[in-house]
């Protein structure tokens, strides 16, 4: 794997983490319009990360490996949160 793709993967992971933080903060504060925008960003970044990380490989960096696992857990939590919001409306 070349260094450009590693840098891009790191950027996608950090952007996805920041998007999750923004989504849950907007959910906590009740900003409905922001929640919809963050949802779109999460879908796009999750698809980008699946394309990039679809291969079974690990990073050389333990931080990025951990961030990948955290993002996967947050993606599942986001899907459950969206499902609960649909059922509540």
N, C-alpha and C. Protein backbone atom coordinates (compact mmCIF):
# COMPACT_ATOMS: atom_id res chain seq x y z
N UNK A 1 0.85 -1.16 0.00
CA UNK A 1 0.00 0.00 0.00
C UNK A 1 0.90 1.23 0.00
N UNK A 2 0.60 2.17 -0.88
CA UNK A 2 1.46 3.33 -0.96
C UNK A 2 1.09 4.37 0.09
N UNK A 3 1.94 5.35 0.24
CA UNK A 3 1.76 6.33 1.31
C UNK A 3 0.58 7.27 1.07
N UNK A 4 0.26 7.54 -0.21
CA UNK A 4 -0.88 8.41 -0.49
C UNK A 4 -2.19 7.79 -0.03
N UNK A 5 -2.35 6.49 -0.26
CA UNK A 5 -3.59 5.84 0.16
C UNK A 5 -3.67 5.74 1.68
N UNK A 6 -2.53 5.58 2.35
CA UNK A 6 -2.53 5.55 3.81
C UNK A 6 -2.94 6.90 4.38
N UNK A 7 -2.47 7.96 3.79
CA UNK A 7 -2.84 9.30 4.25
C UNK A 7 -4.32 9.54 4.01
N UNK A 8 -4.82 9.14 2.84
CA UNK A 8 -6.23 9.31 2.54
C UNK A 8 -7.10 8.49 3.49
N UNK A 9 -6.68 7.27 3.81
CA UNK A 9 -7.42 6.44 4.74
C UNK A 9 -7.48 7.09 6.12
N UNK A 10 -6.37 7.64 6.56
CA UNK A 10 -6.34 8.34 7.84
C UNK A 10 -7.26 9.55 7.85
N UNK A 11 -7.28 10.28 6.75
CA UNK A 11 -8.15 11.45 6.65
C UNK A 11 -9.62 11.03 6.70
N UNK A 12 -9.96 9.96 6.00
CA UNK A 12 -11.35 9.48 6.01
C UNK A 12 -11.75 9.02 7.41
N UNK A 13 -10.87 8.32 8.10
CA UNK A 13 -11.18 7.87 9.46
C UNK A 13 -11.40 9.03 10.41
N UNK A 14 -10.55 10.03 10.35
CA UNK A 14 -10.69 11.19 11.23
C UNK A 14 -11.95 11.98 10.86
N UNK A 15 -12.22 12.14 9.57
CA UNK A 15 -13.42 12.86 9.15
C UNK A 15 -14.69 12.13 9.59
N UNK A 16 -14.68 10.81 9.51
CA UNK A 16 -15.83 10.03 9.96
C UNK A 16 -16.03 10.16 11.46
N UNK A 17 -14.95 10.16 12.21
CA UNK A 17 -15.04 10.34 13.66
C UNK A 17 -15.60 11.71 14.01
N UNK A 18 -15.12 12.74 13.34
CA UNK A 18 -15.62 14.09 13.60
C UNK A 18 -17.09 14.24 13.20
N UNK A 19 -17.48 13.54 12.15
CA UNK A 19 -18.88 13.57 11.73
C UNK A 19 -19.77 12.91 12.77
N UNK A 20 -19.33 11.80 13.32
CA UNK A 20 -20.10 11.16 14.39
C UNK A 20 -20.21 12.07 15.60
N UNK A 21 -19.15 12.74 15.96
CA UNK A 21 -19.19 13.68 17.09
C UNK A 21 -20.20 14.79 16.81
N UNK A 22 -20.15 15.35 15.63
CA UNK A 22 -21.10 16.40 15.26
C UNK A 22 -22.53 15.91 15.25
N UNK A 23 -22.75 14.69 14.76
CA UNK A 23 -24.09 14.14 14.71
C UNK A 23 -24.66 13.97 16.12
N UNK A 24 -23.90 13.35 17.00
CA UNK A 24 -24.42 13.11 18.34
C UNK A 24 -24.55 14.41 19.14
N UNK A 25 -23.71 15.38 18.88
CA UNK A 25 -23.86 16.68 19.53
C UNK A 25 -25.14 17.37 19.05
N UNK A 26 -25.41 17.30 17.74
CA UNK A 26 -26.63 17.88 17.20
C UNK A 26 -27.86 17.15 17.72
N UNK A 27 -27.75 15.85 17.86
CA UNK A 27 -28.85 15.07 18.42
C UNK A 27 -29.11 15.46 19.87
N UNK A 28 -28.04 15.65 20.62
CA UNK A 28 -28.14 16.05 22.02
C UNK A 28 -28.76 17.44 22.14
N UNK A 29 -28.35 18.36 21.29
CA UNK A 29 -28.84 19.73 21.35
C UNK A 29 -30.19 19.91 20.66
N UNK A 30 -30.62 18.94 19.83
CA UNK A 30 -31.91 19.00 19.18
C UNK A 30 -31.94 19.79 17.89
N UNK A 31 -30.83 19.88 17.19
CA UNK A 31 -30.76 20.59 15.92
C UNK A 31 -31.17 19.63 14.79
N UNK A 32 -32.45 19.66 14.44
CA UNK A 32 -32.99 18.70 13.47
C UNK A 32 -32.38 18.86 12.08
N UNK A 33 -32.16 20.10 11.64
CA UNK A 33 -31.62 20.29 10.29
C UNK A 33 -30.18 19.78 10.19
N UNK A 34 -29.41 19.95 11.24
CA UNK A 34 -28.03 19.45 11.22
C UNK A 34 -27.98 17.93 11.24
N UNK A 35 -28.93 17.32 11.92
CA UNK A 35 -28.95 15.86 12.01
C UNK A 35 -29.08 15.24 10.62
N UNK A 36 -29.92 15.81 9.78
CA UNK A 36 -30.10 15.28 8.42
C UNK A 36 -28.82 15.43 7.60
N UNK A 37 -28.14 16.56 7.74
CA UNK A 37 -26.90 16.77 6.98
C UNK A 37 -25.80 15.82 7.45
N UNK A 38 -25.69 15.64 8.76
CA UNK A 38 -24.69 14.70 9.27
C UNK A 38 -24.98 13.28 8.84
N UNK A 39 -26.25 12.94 8.75
CA UNK A 39 -26.61 11.60 8.29
C UNK A 39 -26.11 11.32 6.89
N UNK A 40 -26.24 12.32 6.03
CA UNK A 40 -25.74 12.16 4.65
C UNK A 40 -24.22 12.02 4.63
N UNK A 41 -23.55 12.82 5.43
CA UNK A 41 -22.09 12.73 5.48
C UNK A 41 -21.63 11.39 6.02
N UNK A 42 -22.34 10.86 7.00
CA UNK A 42 -21.97 9.56 7.56
C UNK A 42 -22.09 8.48 6.51
N UNK A 43 -23.16 8.52 5.74
CA UNK A 43 -23.34 7.51 4.69
C UNK A 43 -22.22 7.59 3.65
N UNK A 44 -21.89 8.80 3.22
CA UNK A 44 -20.85 8.96 2.20
C UNK A 44 -19.49 8.51 2.74
N UNK A 45 -19.14 8.95 3.94
CA UNK A 45 -17.84 8.58 4.50
C UNK A 45 -17.76 7.10 4.85
N UNK A 46 -18.88 6.52 5.29
CA UNK A 46 -18.88 5.09 5.57
C UNK A 46 -18.70 4.28 4.29
N UNK A 47 -19.33 4.71 3.22
CA UNK A 47 -19.13 4.03 1.93
C UNK A 47 -17.70 4.19 1.44
N UNK A 48 -17.14 5.38 1.62
CA UNK A 48 -15.74 5.60 1.21
C UNK A 48 -14.80 4.72 2.04
N UNK A 49 -15.08 4.61 3.32
CA UNK A 49 -14.21 3.79 4.16
C UNK A 49 -14.37 2.31 3.84
N UNK A 50 -15.57 1.88 3.44
CA UNK A 50 -15.75 0.48 3.07
C UNK A 50 -15.00 0.16 1.77
N UNK A 51 -14.97 1.11 0.85
CA UNK A 51 -14.21 0.90 -0.38
C UNK A 51 -12.72 0.83 -0.07
N UNK A 52 -12.28 1.72 0.82
CA UNK A 52 -10.86 1.74 1.16
C UNK A 52 -10.43 0.58 2.04
N UNK A 53 -11.30 0.20 2.97
CA UNK A 53 -10.90 -0.79 3.97
C UNK A 53 -11.56 -2.14 3.73
N UNK A 54 -12.10 -2.35 2.56
CA UNK A 54 -12.76 -3.61 2.26
C UNK A 54 -11.80 -4.79 2.30
N UNK A 55 -10.57 -4.54 2.03
CA UNK A 55 -9.57 -5.59 2.10
C UNK A 55 -9.25 -5.87 3.56
N UNK A 56 -8.99 -7.11 3.85
CA UNK A 56 -8.67 -7.45 5.23
C UNK A 56 -7.19 -7.15 5.46
N UNK A 57 -6.97 -6.02 6.01
CA UNK A 57 -5.61 -5.60 6.29
C UNK A 57 -5.60 -4.70 7.50
N UNK A 58 -4.48 -4.59 8.09
CA UNK A 58 -4.36 -3.74 9.27
C UNK A 58 -3.40 -2.61 8.95
N UNK A 59 -3.57 -1.55 9.72
CA UNK A 59 -2.65 -0.44 9.60
C UNK A 59 -1.38 -0.74 10.37
N UNK A 60 -0.35 -0.01 10.05
CA UNK A 60 0.88 -0.11 10.83
C UNK A 60 0.73 0.66 12.14
N UNK A 61 -0.24 1.55 12.17
CA UNK A 61 -0.46 2.43 13.31
C UNK A 61 -1.58 1.85 14.17
N UNK A 62 -1.33 1.66 15.46
CA UNK A 62 -2.34 1.11 16.36
C UNK A 62 -3.49 2.09 16.57
N UNK A 63 -3.20 3.38 16.51
CA UNK A 63 -4.25 4.38 16.68
C UNK A 63 -5.29 4.27 15.58
N UNK A 64 -4.84 4.12 14.33
CA UNK A 64 -5.78 4.00 13.22
C UNK A 64 -6.55 2.68 13.26
N UNK A 65 -5.92 1.61 13.75
CA UNK A 65 -6.65 0.36 13.93
C UNK A 65 -7.77 0.53 14.95
N UNK A 66 -7.45 1.19 16.06
CA UNK A 66 -8.45 1.43 17.08
C UNK A 66 -9.55 2.36 16.60
N UNK A 67 -9.17 3.37 15.83
CA UNK A 67 -10.15 4.30 15.28
C UNK A 67 -11.09 3.61 14.30
N UNK A 68 -10.60 2.64 13.56
CA UNK A 68 -11.44 1.87 12.66
C UNK A 68 -12.50 1.08 13.44
N UNK A 69 -12.09 0.48 14.54
CA UNK A 69 -13.03 -0.29 15.36
C UNK A 69 -14.06 0.64 16.00
N UNK A 70 -13.61 1.78 16.51
CA UNK A 70 -14.53 2.75 17.11
C UNK A 70 -15.53 3.26 16.08
N UNK A 71 -15.07 3.55 14.88
CA UNK A 71 -15.97 4.02 13.83
C UNK A 71 -16.98 2.94 13.44
N UNK A 72 -16.58 1.68 13.45
CA UNK A 72 -17.51 0.60 13.13
C UNK A 72 -18.60 0.50 14.21
N UNK A 73 -18.21 0.62 15.46
CA UNK A 73 -19.19 0.58 16.56
C UNK A 73 -20.12 1.79 16.47
N UNK A 74 -19.57 2.97 16.19
CA UNK A 74 -20.39 4.16 16.06
C UNK A 74 -21.34 4.08 14.86
N UNK A 75 -20.92 3.41 13.80
CA UNK A 75 -21.80 3.24 12.65
C UNK A 75 -23.00 2.38 13.01
N UNK A 76 -22.78 1.32 13.76
CA UNK A 76 -23.88 0.47 14.21
C UNK A 76 -24.79 1.25 15.16
N UNK A 77 -24.19 2.02 16.08
CA UNK A 77 -24.98 2.84 17.00
C UNK A 77 -25.79 3.89 16.24
N UNK A 78 -25.20 4.46 15.20
CA UNK A 78 -25.92 5.44 14.39
C UNK A 78 -27.12 4.79 13.71
N UNK A 79 -26.94 3.58 13.16
CA UNK A 79 -28.04 2.89 12.49
C UNK A 79 -29.16 2.58 13.49
N UNK A 80 -28.81 2.17 14.68
CA UNK A 80 -29.82 1.89 15.70
C UNK A 80 -30.54 3.18 16.10
N UNK A 81 -29.79 4.27 16.26
CA UNK A 81 -30.38 5.56 16.61
C UNK A 81 -31.35 6.02 15.53
N UNK A 82 -30.97 5.88 14.29
CA UNK A 82 -31.86 6.26 13.19
C UNK A 82 -33.12 5.41 13.19
N UNK A 83 -32.98 4.12 13.46
CA UNK A 83 -34.15 3.25 13.53
C UNK A 83 -35.09 3.63 14.66
N UNK A 84 -34.53 3.97 15.80
CA UNK A 84 -35.35 4.40 16.94
C UNK A 84 -36.05 5.70 16.62
N UNK A 85 -35.35 6.62 15.97
CA UNK A 85 -35.98 7.90 15.61
C UNK A 85 -37.13 7.69 14.63
N UNK A 86 -37.00 6.77 13.71
CA UNK A 86 -38.07 6.48 12.77
C UNK A 86 -39.27 5.90 13.50
N UNK A 87 -39.02 5.00 14.43
CA UNK A 87 -40.12 4.38 15.16
C UNK A 87 -40.82 5.37 16.10
N UNK A 88 -40.07 6.35 16.61
CA UNK A 88 -40.67 7.33 17.52
C UNK A 88 -41.51 8.36 16.79
N UNK A 89 -41.26 8.59 15.53
CA UNK A 89 -42.02 9.60 14.78
C UNK A 89 -43.25 9.02 14.22
